[in-house]
Every structure is written in structure tokens, then in C-alpha cells.
Amino acid sequence: MANNKTVIVSINADDGWRCVDIFQRLDQSFGFDEFRRDVEDQKGWFPIGHYGSAVFADQDAALAAAVDAVPWLAARLDAPLAVTQAE
């Protein structure tokens, strides 16, 4: 299945085992989801928030909803970020 999303920004939790991705879909709408990776499983990141189907008009609205939904994100945004910006 083709990837129908482009990650705009990925914000990592302090522990390095969780992140929130803000993404844009092919229809130009935006969304977000929370992911985790496990030490014992080297297969990559797994969705844990299941927020990915929510639709937002812009990146700022998606980020605001992510802050409301993901408990650790607000504190992380108040600290210096380890953000991966897509190019």
C-alpha cells in the first residue's frame, strides 16, 4: 500500500521511545499520531495513540489537538526540542 501521508514534523519524547508525528495527507488535510518503539523489537515505530484518522485544516490545528490528546507533549514543547523537520 502506498504511503498517503508526508510527515511535516516529528517530536520525540524525552525518553526517546515515543514520538508524535504531524503529517499532511494527499488531500492536503493534516493529522497527527503518537508512536512508540520497543527496545526488544527492532521493527520500528508502532502507532499507540490511534489519532491518525482525525482531520485538521492546517498544521497548527493538528499540533494543538495533539497537545490536548498526548499527555507528555505539552511539557516537551516547553523544553528545548529534539524535532525532526521534514525537508
Protein backbone atom coordinates (compact mmCIF):
# COMPACT_ATOMS: atom_id res chain seq x y z
CA MET A 1 0.00 0.00 0.00
CA ALA A 2 1.36 3.42 -0.94
CA ASN A 3 2.08 5.94 1.81
CA ASN A 4 -0.58 8.63 1.63
CA LYS A 5 0.97 10.87 4.29
CA THR A 6 4.01 13.14 4.47
CA VAL A 7 5.42 13.76 7.94
CA ILE A 8 5.89 17.50 8.45
CA VAL A 9 7.42 17.32 11.93
CA SER A 10 8.21 14.57 14.43
CA ILE A 11 8.55 15.47 18.12
CA ASN A 12 10.36 12.96 20.30
CA ALA A 13 9.60 12.41 23.97
CA ASP A 14 12.45 12.83 26.42
CA ASP A 15 12.68 9.07 26.83
CA GLY A 16 13.32 8.55 23.10
CA TRP A 17 10.79 5.74 22.94
CA ARG A 18 7.73 7.81 21.97
CA CYS A 19 7.07 10.47 19.38
CA VAL A 20 4.26 12.48 17.83
CA ASP A 21 4.19 12.97 14.08
CA ILE A 22 2.30 15.84 12.46
CA PHE A 23 1.57 14.89 8.87
CA GLN A 24 -0.13 16.08 5.70
CA ARG A 25 -2.30 13.81 3.56
CA LEU A 26 -2.57 13.74 -0.22
CA ASP A 27 -5.88 15.65 0.04
CA GLN A 28 -3.91 18.48 1.77
CA SER A 29 -5.57 17.89 5.16
CA PHE A 30 -3.42 17.42 8.26
CA GLY A 31 -3.35 14.95 11.12
CA PHE A 32 -1.19 13.54 13.90
CA ASP A 33 -0.48 10.32 15.71
CA GLU A 34 1.58 9.10 18.64
CA PHE A 35 4.09 6.28 18.16
CA ARG A 36 6.38 4.15 20.32
CA ARG A 37 9.27 1.82 19.73
CA ASP A 38 10.32 -1.07 21.93
CA VAL A 39 13.84 -1.95 22.98
CA GLU A 40 13.21 -5.64 22.36
CA ASP A 41 11.63 -5.11 18.93
CA GLN A 42 13.82 -3.67 16.19
CA LYS A 43 10.99 -3.37 13.65
CA GLY A 44 10.49 0.37 14.09
CA TRP A 45 7.74 2.64 15.37
CA PHE A 46 4.21 1.50 16.20
CA PRO A 47 1.11 3.71 16.50
CA ILE A 48 -0.23 3.83 20.05
CA GLY A 49 -2.46 6.90 20.00
CA HIS A 50 -4.69 5.94 17.11
CA TYR A 51 -5.41 9.60 16.39
CA GLY A 52 -4.38 9.34 12.74
CA SER A 53 -7.89 9.45 11.29
CA ALA A 54 -8.72 12.88 12.75
CA VAL A 55 -8.68 15.60 10.08
CA PHE A 56 -7.44 19.18 10.53
CA ALA A 57 -7.34 22.13 8.16
CA ASP A 58 -3.75 23.09 8.96
CA GLN A 59 -0.59 22.07 10.78
CA ASP A 60 -1.25 24.38 13.74
CA ALA A 61 -4.69 22.85 14.38
CA ALA A 62 -3.21 19.34 14.24
CA LEU A 63 -0.48 20.31 16.71
CA ALA A 64 -2.99 21.93 19.09
CA ALA A 65 -5.11 18.76 19.05
CA ALA A 66 -2.00 16.64 19.64
CA VAL A 67 -1.08 18.74 22.69
CA ASP A 68 -4.59 18.17 24.07
CA ALA A 69 -4.51 14.42 23.38
CA VAL A 70 -0.96 13.35 24.25
CA PRO A 71 -0.14 13.84 27.96
CA TRP A 72 3.64 14.34 27.65
CA LEU A 73 3.61 16.63 24.60
CA ALA A 74 2.83 20.00 26.22
CA ALA A 75 5.74 19.71 28.64
CA ARG A 76 8.01 18.64 25.79
CA LEU A 77 7.09 21.71 23.76
CA ASP A 78 8.04 23.90 26.73
CA ALA A 79 11.54 22.32 26.76
CA PRO A 80 14.26 22.53 24.10
CA LEU A 81 13.05 20.24 21.33
CA ALA A 82 14.64 17.35 19.55
CA VAL A 83 12.47 17.86 16.48
CA THR A 84 12.96 16.20 13.13
CA GLN A 85 11.80 18.62 10.46
CA ALA A 86 10.95 17.04 7.12
CA GLU A 87 12.57 18.64 4.11
